């Protein structure tokens, strides 16, 4: 599948996905750009029913977690590199926020490479943003040591659905030449007009009893209260894992 045709797949066939295929795709994905060629990531492969059942509540019991043959948790990992430094009598200074950001960037580059390669191979994937909502639970379930942190979870399997491709903003609205162009109010309204016009989004507004689509996001889907609570948990987990 071409990247221009990609879709998020949440329903999978019961057919297993060969471990050799997954590991081969991950190996190719590791050619991603990486900070200082340090490869500051690891990936936890979950295939057992018990393992997926332990992860499911941490992802709000979204059915693809238990329904997918494979769940991959991509982990920002400065532990491996730090341990190598310690064994080499080198003074590692990677227990800080900047190091977490470097490792998280490495991890997401690796993760995106994998997703693209998996979809080209005919597999379906779903990116779970809930990983950073409940990091302490994921850390516990996967027994992640200090200087590691979960940043993304991908469900993987052979597709058992063919959903509509979701809308995207016009690329010209995302490109700024030389400096950031802060659009005026009318332009902002125009940018989101198509998204607001879609039938499924109009339905979201209606069933949530809101005035417009923006209020569905702010009042229902990604609220200030939830964002602040999860931000607190994220900071606590970063302290727990030694990055702050």
C-alpha atoms as a PDB file:
ATOM      1  CA  UNK A   1       0.000   0.000   0.000  1.00  0.00           C
ATOM      2  CA  UNK A   2       1.234   3.490  -0.859  1.00  0.00           C
ATOM      3  CA  UNK A   3       1.621   5.872   2.061  1.00  0.00           C
ATOM      4  CA  UNK A   4      -0.827   8.231   0.333  1.00  0.00           C
ATOM      5  CA  UNK A   5      -3.464   5.486   0.654  1.00  0.00           C
ATOM      6  CA  UNK A   6      -2.856   4.545   4.279  1.00  0.00           C
ATOM      7  CA  UNK A   7      -5.690   4.019   6.737  1.00  0.00           C
ATOM      8  CA  UNK A   8      -5.861   3.203  10.414  1.00  0.00           C
ATOM      9  CA  UNK A   9      -6.886  -0.442  10.882  1.00  0.00           C
ATOM     10  CA  UNK A  10      -8.660  -1.415  14.101  1.00  0.00           C
ATOM     11  CA  UNK A  11     -10.059  -4.833  13.119  1.00  0.00           C
ATOM     12  CA  UNK A  12      -7.768  -7.747  12.300  1.00  0.00           C
ATOM     13  CA  UNK A  13      -8.042 -11.290  10.993  1.00  0.00           C
ATOM     14  CA  UNK A  14      -7.310 -14.082  13.442  1.00  0.00           C
ATOM     15  CA  UNK A  15      -4.359 -15.087  11.254  1.00  0.00           C
ATOM     16  CA  UNK A  16      -1.028 -14.861  13.057  1.00  0.00           C
ATOM     17  CA  UNK A  17       1.702 -12.509  11.906  1.00  0.00           C
ATOM     18  CA  UNK A  18       4.989 -14.362  11.587  1.00  0.00           C
ATOM     19  CA  UNK A  19       7.627 -13.211  14.049  1.00  0.00           C
ATOM     20  CA  UNK A  20      10.271 -13.313  11.332  1.00  0.00           C
ATOM     21  CA  UNK A  21       8.259 -10.780   9.308  1.00  0.00           C
ATOM     22  CA  UNK A  22       7.817  -8.428  12.268  1.00  0.00           C
ATOM     23  CA  UNK A  23      11.476  -8.644  13.264  1.00  0.00           C
ATOM     24  CA  UNK A  24      12.594  -8.111   9.683  1.00  0.00           C
ATOM     25  CA  UNK A  25      10.449  -4.988   9.383  1.00  0.00           C
ATOM     26  CA  UNK A  26      11.776  -3.696  12.697  1.00  0.00           C
ATOM     27  CA  UNK A  27      15.324  -4.336  11.496  1.00  0.00           C
ATOM     28  CA  UNK A  28      14.744  -2.277   8.375  1.00  0.00           C
ATOM     29  CA  UNK A  29      12.947   0.404  10.400  1.00  0.00           C
ATOM     30  CA  UNK A  30      16.064   0.785  12.555  1.00  0.00           C
ATOM     31  CA  UNK A  31      17.727   2.529   9.616  1.00  0.00           C
ATOM     32  CA  UNK A  32      15.809   5.620  10.769  1.00  0.00           C
ATOM     33  CA  UNK A  33      17.748   8.746  11.679  1.00  0.00           C
ATOM     34  CA  UNK A  34      18.951   8.626  15.290  1.00  0.00           C
ATOM     35  CA  UNK A  35      20.584  11.032  17.730  1.00  0.00           C
ATOM     36  CA  UNK A  36      24.361  10.554  17.538  1.00  0.00           C
ATOM     37  CA  UNK A  37      23.820   7.058  16.106  1.00  0.00           C
ATOM     38  CA  UNK A  38      22.895   5.957  19.652  1.00  0.00           C
ATOM     39  CA  UNK A  39      19.576   4.232  18.744  1.00  0.00           C
ATOM     40  CA  UNK A  40      17.815   5.306  21.930  1.00  0.00           C
ATOM     41  CA  UNK A  41      14.855   2.939  21.699  1.00  0.00           C
ATOM     42  CA  UNK A  42      13.590  -0.539  22.403  1.00  0.00           C
ATOM     43  CA  UNK A  43      10.354  -2.284  21.448  1.00  0.00           C
ATOM     44  CA  UNK A  44       8.304  -4.688  23.572  1.00  0.00           C
ATOM     45  CA  UNK A  45       6.495  -7.324  21.501  1.00  0.00           C
ATOM     46  CA  UNK A  46       3.306  -8.616  23.140  1.00  0.00           C
ATOM     47  CA  UNK A  47       1.609 -11.664  21.637  1.00  0.00           C
ATOM     48  CA  UNK A  48       0.217 -13.582  24.618  1.00  0.00           C
ATOM     49  CA  UNK A  49      -3.428 -13.196  25.586  1.00  0.00           C
ATOM     50  CA  UNK A  50      -2.323 -12.518  29.150  1.00  0.00           C
ATOM     51  CA  UNK A  51       0.021  -9.764  28.084  1.00  0.00           C
ATOM     52  CA  UNK A  52      -2.577  -8.073  25.889  1.00  0.00           C
ATOM     53  CA  UNK A  53      -5.185  -8.359  28.654  1.00  0.00           C
ATOM     54  CA  UNK A  54      -2.813  -6.586  31.035  1.00  0.00           C
ATOM     55  CA  UNK A  55      -2.256  -3.764  28.554  1.00  0.00           C
ATOM     56  CA  UNK A  56      -5.880  -3.334  27.470  1.00  0.00           C
ATOM     57  CA  UNK A  57      -7.163  -1.360  30.507  1.00  0.00           C
ATOM     58  CA  UNK A  58      -4.217   1.015  30.174  1.00  0.00           C
ATOM     59  CA  UNK A  59      -5.478   1.842  26.668  1.00  0.00           C
ATOM     60  CA  UNK A  60      -9.082   2.345  27.829  1.00  0.00           C
ATOM     61  CA  UNK A  61      -9.971  -1.194  26.699  1.00  0.00           C
ATOM     62  CA  UNK A  62      -9.933  -0.293  23.035  1.00  0.00           C
ATOM     63  CA  UNK A  63     -10.811  -3.606  21.343  1.00  0.00           C
ATOM     64  CA  UNK A  64      -7.877  -3.608  18.925  1.00  0.00           C
ATOM     65  CA  UNK A  65      -5.467  -4.197  21.835  1.00  0.00           C
ATOM     66  CA  UNK A  66      -6.822  -7.682  22.505  1.00  0.00           C
ATOM     67  CA  UNK A  67      -8.019  -8.205  18.931  1.00  0.00           C
ATOM     68  CA  UNK A  68      -4.664  -7.696  17.215  1.00  0.00           C
ATOM     69  CA  UNK A  69      -2.232 -10.615  16.846  1.00  0.00           C
ATOM     70  CA  UNK A  70       0.671  -8.380  17.864  1.00  0.00           C
ATOM     71  CA  UNK A  71       0.970  -5.315  20.095  1.00  0.00           C
ATOM     72  CA  UNK A  72       4.234  -3.377  19.925  1.00  0.00           C
ATOM     73  CA  UNK A  73       5.161  -0.863  22.621  1.00  0.00           C
ATOM     74  CA  UNK A  74       7.912   1.485  21.496  1.00  0.00           C
ATOM     75  CA  UNK A  75      10.092   2.574  24.395  1.00  0.00           C
ATOM     76  CA  UNK A  76      12.460   5.520  24.710  1.00  0.00           C
ATOM     77  CA  UNK A  77      15.557   3.790  26.080  1.00  0.00           C
ATOM     78  CA  UNK A  78      18.605   5.507  27.515  1.00  0.00           C
ATOM     79  CA  UNK A  79      19.237   2.625  29.920  1.00  0.00           C
ATOM     80  CA  UNK A  80      21.123   0.422  27.472  1.00  0.00           C
ATOM     81  CA  UNK A  81      23.450   3.221  26.359  1.00  0.00           C
ATOM     82  CA  UNK A  82      23.990   4.444  29.937  1.00  0.00           C
ATOM     83  CA  UNK A  83      24.875   0.946  31.118  1.00  0.00           C
ATOM     84  CA  UNK A  84      27.437   0.682  28.314  1.00  0.00           C
ATOM     85  CA  UNK A  85      28.917   4.023  29.429  1.00  0.00           C
ATOM     86  CA  UNK A  86      29.066   2.833  33.047  1.00  0.00           C
ATOM     87  CA  UNK A  87      30.811  -0.396  32.034  1.00  0.00           C
ATOM     88  CA  UNK A  88      33.275   1.650  29.987  1.00  0.00           C
ATOM     89  CA  UNK A  89      34.172   4.000  32.880  1.00  0.00           C
ATOM     90  CA  UNK A  90      32.439   6.859  31.034  1.00  0.00           C
ATOM     91  CA  UNK A  91      30.449   9.402  33.058  1.00  0.00           C
ATOM     92  CA  UNK A  92      26.910   9.219  31.608  1.00  0.00           C
ATOM     93  CA  UNK A  93      24.758  12.341  32.026  1.00  0.00           C
ATOM     94  CA  UNK A  94      21.492  11.201  30.521  1.00  0.00           C
ATOM     95  CA  UNK A  95      19.144  11.341  33.519  1.00  0.00           C
ATOM     96  CA  UNK A  96      17.437  14.556  32.447  1.00  0.00           C
ATOM     97  CA  UNK A  97      14.596  15.949  30.377  1.00  0.00           C
ATOM     98  CA  UNK A  98      16.697  16.707  27.285  1.00  0.00           C
ATOM     99  CA  UNK A  99      17.851  13.095  27.157  1.00  0.00           C
ATOM    100  CA  UNK A 100      14.246  11.906  27.374  1.00  0.00           C
ATOM    101  CA  UNK A 101      13.279  14.173  24.472  1.00  0.00           C
ATOM    102  CA  UNK A 102      16.198  12.860  22.410  1.00  0.00           C
ATOM    103  CA  UNK A 103      15.238   9.255  23.160  1.00  0.00           C
ATOM    104  CA  UNK A 104      11.545   9.909  22.505  1.00  0.00           C
ATOM    105  CA  UNK A 105      12.378  11.501  19.139  1.00  0.00           C
ATOM    106  CA  UNK A 106      14.559   8.519  18.206  1.00  0.00           C
ATOM    107  CA  UNK A 107      11.761   6.162  19.205  1.00  0.00           C
ATOM    108  CA  UNK A 108       9.059   7.893  17.200  1.00  0.00           C
ATOM    109  CA  UNK A 109      11.244   8.006  14.076  1.00  0.00           C
ATOM    110  CA  UNK A 110      11.840   4.251  14.460  1.00  0.00           C
ATOM    111  CA  UNK A 111       8.134   3.662  15.118  1.00  0.00           C
ATOM    112  CA  UNK A 112       6.978   5.611  12.063  1.00  0.00           C
ATOM    113  CA  UNK A 113       9.443   3.778   9.837  1.00  0.00           C
ATOM    114  CA  UNK A 114       8.051   0.482  11.086  1.00  0.00           C
ATOM    115  CA  UNK A 115       4.441   1.522  10.475  1.00  0.00           C
ATOM    116  CA  UNK A 116       5.191   2.581   6.901  1.00  0.00           C
ATOM    117  CA  UNK A 117       7.047  -0.657   6.168  1.00  0.00           C
ATOM    118  CA  UNK A 118       4.350  -2.797   7.806  1.00  0.00           C
ATOM    119  CA  UNK A 119       1.621  -1.158   5.744  1.00  0.00           C
ATOM    120  CA  UNK A 120       3.655  -1.591   2.555  1.00  0.00           C
ATOM    121  CA  UNK A 121       3.833  -5.307   3.435  1.00  0.00           C
ATOM    122  CA  UNK A 122       0.030  -5.464   3.579  1.00  0.00           C
ATOM    123  CA  UNK A 123      -0.342  -5.307   7.355  1.00  0.00           C
ATOM    124  CA  UNK A 124      -2.708  -2.957   9.151  1.00  0.00           C
ATOM    125  CA  UNK A 125      -1.647  -0.791  12.068  1.00  0.00           C
ATOM    126  CA  UNK A 126      -3.244   1.454  14.654  1.00  0.00           C
ATOM    127  CA  UNK A 127      -1.300   4.040  16.648  1.00  0.00           C
ATOM    128  CA  UNK A 128      -2.485   4.262  20.269  1.00  0.00           C
ATOM    129  CA  UNK A 129      -1.915   7.732  21.697  1.00  0.00           C
ATOM    130  CA  UNK A 130      -3.088   6.408  25.060  1.00  0.00           C
ATOM    131  CA  UNK A 131       0.430   5.161  25.828  1.00  0.00           C
ATOM    132  CA  UNK A 132       1.436   8.511  27.330  1.00  0.00           C
ATOM    133  CA  UNK A 133      -1.908   8.845  29.136  1.00  0.00           C
ATOM    134  CA  UNK A 134      -1.127   5.958  31.497  1.00  0.00           C
ATOM    135  CA  UNK A 135       2.664   5.656  31.464  1.00  0.00           C
ATOM    136  CA  UNK A 136       3.012   4.365  35.011  1.00  0.00           C
ATOM    137  CA  UNK A 137       0.655   1.481  34.277  1.00  0.00           C
ATOM    138  CA  UNK A 138       2.508   0.570  31.086  1.00  0.00           C
ATOM    139  CA  UNK A 139       5.835   0.818  32.917  1.00  0.00           C
ATOM    140  CA  UNK A 140       4.557  -1.621  35.540  1.00  0.00           C
ATOM    141  CA  UNK A 141       2.935  -4.042  33.078  1.00  0.00           C
ATOM    142  CA  UNK A 142       6.064  -4.247  30.918  1.00  0.00           C
ATOM    143  CA  UNK A 143       8.515  -4.074  33.837  1.00  0.00           C
ATOM    144  CA  UNK A 144      10.383  -1.129  32.335  1.00  0.00           C
ATOM    145  CA  UNK A 145      13.541  -0.199  34.285  1.00  0.00           C
ATOM    146  CA  UNK A 146      14.998   3.250  35.020  1.00  0.00           C
ATOM    147  CA  UNK A 147      15.839   5.454  32.030  1.00  0.00           C
ATOM    148  CA  UNK A 148      13.214   3.806  29.839  1.00  0.00           C
ATOM    149  CA  UNK A 149       9.793   5.245  28.998  1.00  0.00           C
ATOM    150  CA  UNK A 150       6.869   4.102  26.796  1.00  0.00           C
ATOM    151  CA  UNK A 151       6.025   6.607  24.077  1.00  0.00           C
ATOM    152  CA  UNK A 152       3.931   4.741  21.486  1.00  0.00           C
ATOM    153  CA  UNK A 153       1.920   1.558  21.089  1.00  0.00           C
ATOM    154  CA  UNK A 154       1.050   0.020  17.718  1.00  0.00           C
ATOM    155  CA  UNK A 155      -1.423  -2.781  17.121  1.00  0.00           C
ATOM    156  CA  UNK A 156      -0.488  -4.912  14.116  1.00  0.00           C
ATOM    157  CA  UNK A 157      -2.268  -7.571  12.078  1.00  0.00           C
ATOM    158  CA  UNK A 158      -3.758  -8.540   8.744  1.00  0.00           C
ATOM    159  CA  UNK A 159      -6.655  -6.136   8.037  1.00  0.00           C
ATOM    160  CA  UNK A 160     -10.212  -7.352   8.471  1.00  0.00           C
ATOM    161  CA  UNK A 161     -11.831  -4.064   7.430  1.00  0.00           C
ATOM    162  CA  UNK A 162     -11.496  -1.414   4.744  1.00  0.00           C
ATOM    163  CA  UNK A 163     -12.454   1.880   6.411  1.00  0.00           C
ATOM    164  CA  UNK A 164     -12.763   5.229   4.737  1.00  0.00           C
ATOM    165  CA  UNK A 165      -9.564   7.238   4.626  1.00  0.00           C
ATOM    166  CA  UNK A 166      -9.747  10.067   7.200  1.00  0.00           C
ATOM    167  CA  UNK A 167      -9.583  13.679   6.106  1.00  0.00           C
ATOM    168  CA  UNK A 168      -6.406  15.747   6.252  1.00  0.00           C
ATOM    169  CA  UNK A 169      -5.844  19.501   6.198  1.00  0.00           C
ATOM    170  CA  UNK A 170      -4.662  20.974   2.903  1.00  0.00           C
ATOM    171  CA  UNK A 171      -0.862  20.770   2.925  1.00  0.00           C
ATOM    172  CA  UNK A 172      -0.583  24.450   1.989  1.00  0.00           C
ATOM    173  CA  UNK A 173      -2.079  25.340   5.375  1.00  0.00           C
ATOM    174  CA  UNK A 174       0.782  23.493   7.099  1.00  0.00           C
ATOM    175  CA  UNK A 175       3.671  25.010   5.165  1.00  0.00           C
ATOM    176  CA  UNK A 176       5.212  28.303   6.303  1.00  0.00           C
ATOM    177  CA  UNK A 177       7.863  29.976   4.172  1.00  0.00           C
ATOM    178  CA  UNK A 178      10.899  31.379   6.009  1.00  0.00           C
ATOM    179  CA  UNK A 179       8.983  32.266   9.209  1.00  0.00           C
ATOM    180  CA  UNK A 180       5.735  31.200  10.875  1.00  0.00           C
ATOM    181  CA  UNK A 181       2.694  32.780   9.241  1.00  0.00           C
ATOM    182  CA  UNK A 182       0.087  33.267  11.962  1.00  0.00           C
ATOM    183  CA  UNK A 183      -3.153  33.138   9.981  1.00  0.00           C
ATOM    184  CA  UNK A 184      -5.933  35.653  10.519  1.00  0.00           C
ATOM    185  CA  UNK A 185      -9.315  34.607  11.905  1.00  0.00           C
ATOM    186  CA  UNK A 186     -11.001  34.193   8.514  1.00  0.00           C
ATOM    187  CA  UNK A 187      -8.178  31.973   7.258  1.00  0.00           C
ATOM    188  CA  UNK A 188      -8.355  29.795  10.389  1.00  0.00           C
ATOM    189  CA  UNK A 189     -12.080  29.328   9.809  1.00  0.00           C
ATOM    190  CA  UNK A 190     -11.446  28.420   6.174  1.00  0.00           C
ATOM    191  CA  UNK A 191      -8.768  25.877   7.143  1.00  0.00           C
ATOM    192  CA  UNK A 192     -11.229  23.919   9.285  1.00  0.00           C
ATOM    193  CA  UNK A 193     -14.363  24.494   7.200  1.00  0.00           C
ATOM    194  CA  UNK A 194     -14.068  21.231   5.249  1.00  0.00           C
ATOM    195  CA  UNK A 195     -13.512  19.163   8.409  1.00  0.00           C
ATOM    196  CA  UNK A 196     -16.568  20.799   9.975  1.00  0.00           C
ATOM    197  CA  UNK A 197     -18.660  20.052   6.899  1.00  0.00           C
ATOM    198  CA  UNK A 198     -18.116  16.279   6.950  1.00  0.00           C
ATOM    199  CA  UNK A 199     -21.201  14.275   7.840  1.00  0.00           C
ATOM    200  CA  UNK A 200     -19.469  12.212  10.524  1.00  0.00           C
ATOM    201  CA  UNK A 201     -18.216  15.366  12.214  1.00  0.00           C
ATOM    202  CA  UNK A 202     -21.609  17.034  12.050  1.00  0.00           C
ATOM    203  CA  UNK A 203     -22.938  13.890  13.701  1.00  0.00           C
ATOM    204  CA  UNK A 204     -20.335  14.187  16.482  1.00  0.00           C
ATOM    205  CA  UNK A 205     -21.552  17.703  17.163  1.00  0.00           C
ATOM    206  CA  UNK A 206     -25.178  16.575  17.304  1.00  0.00           C
ATOM    207  CA  UNK A 207     -24.774  13.525  19.533  1.00  0.00           C
ATOM    208  CA  UNK A 208     -22.556  15.449  21.951  1.00  0.00           C
ATOM    209  CA  UNK A 209     -25.034  18.345  22.089  1.00  0.00           C
ATOM    210  CA  UNK A 210     -22.406  20.926  21.186  1.00  0.00           C
ATOM    211  CA  UNK A 211     -22.520  24.038  19.049  1.00  0.00           C
ATOM    212  CA  UNK A 212     -19.581  23.129  16.826  1.00  0.00           C
ATOM    213  CA  UNK A 213     -16.801  20.614  16.216  1.00  0.00           C
ATOM    214  CA  UNK A 214     -14.191  22.565  18.166  1.00  0.00           C
ATOM    215  CA  UNK A 215     -16.323  22.173  21.299  1.00  0.00           C
ATOM    216  CA  UNK A 216     -16.404  18.405  20.776  1.00  0.00           C
ATOM    217  CA  UNK A 217     -12.604  18.442  21.037  1.00  0.00           C
ATOM    218  CA  UNK A 218     -12.354  20.838  23.984  1.00  0.00           C
ATOM    219  CA  UNK A 219     -15.356  19.690  26.017  1.00  0.00           C
ATOM    220  CA  UNK A 220     -15.558  15.962  25.256  1.00  0.00           C
ATOM    221  CA  UNK A 221     -12.503  14.411  23.662  1.00  0.00           C
ATOM    222  CA  UNK A 222      -9.451  16.275  24.991  1.00  0.00           C
ATOM    223  CA  UNK A 223     -10.554  18.361  27.940  1.00  0.00           C
ATOM    224  CA  UNK A 224      -8.441  20.743  29.986  1.00  0.00           C
ATOM    225  CA  UNK A 225      -9.171  18.706  33.118  1.00  0.00           C
ATOM    226  CA  UNK A 226      -7.983  15.461  31.539  1.00  0.00           C
ATOM    227  CA  UNK A 227      -4.955  17.078  29.901  1.00  0.00           C
ATOM    228  CA  UNK A 228      -3.800  18.592  33.184  1.00  0.00           C
ATOM    229  CA  UNK A 229      -4.369  15.364  35.127  1.00  0.00           C
ATOM    230  CA  UNK A 230      -2.500  13.273  32.562  1.00  0.00           C
ATOM    231  CA  UNK A 231       0.285  15.866  32.376  1.00  0.00           C
ATOM    232  CA  UNK A 232       0.745  15.451  36.128  1.00  0.00           C
ATOM    233  CA  UNK A 233       0.921  11.679  35.731  1.00  0.00           C
ATOM    234  CA  UNK A 234       3.391  12.032  32.862  1.00  0.00           C
ATOM    235  CA  UNK A 235       5.714  14.204  34.956  1.00  0.00           C
ATOM    236  CA  UNK A 236       5.454  11.783  37.886  1.00  0.00           C
ATOM    237  CA  UNK A 237       6.378   8.883  35.594  1.00  0.00           C
ATOM    238  CA  UNK A 238       9.354  10.814  34.183  1.00  0.00           C
ATOM    239  CA  UNK A 239      10.582  11.324  37.764  1.00  0.00           C
ATOM    240  CA  UNK A 240       9.969   7.634  38.508  1.00  0.00           C
ATOM    241  CA  UNK A 241      12.039   6.571  35.500  1.00  0.00           C
ATOM    242  CA  UNK A 242      14.926   8.924  36.295  1.00  0.00           C
ATOM    243  CA  UNK A 243      14.492  11.494  33.528  1.00  0.00           C
ATOM    244  CA  UNK A 244      13.801  14.442  35.864  1.00  0.00           C
END
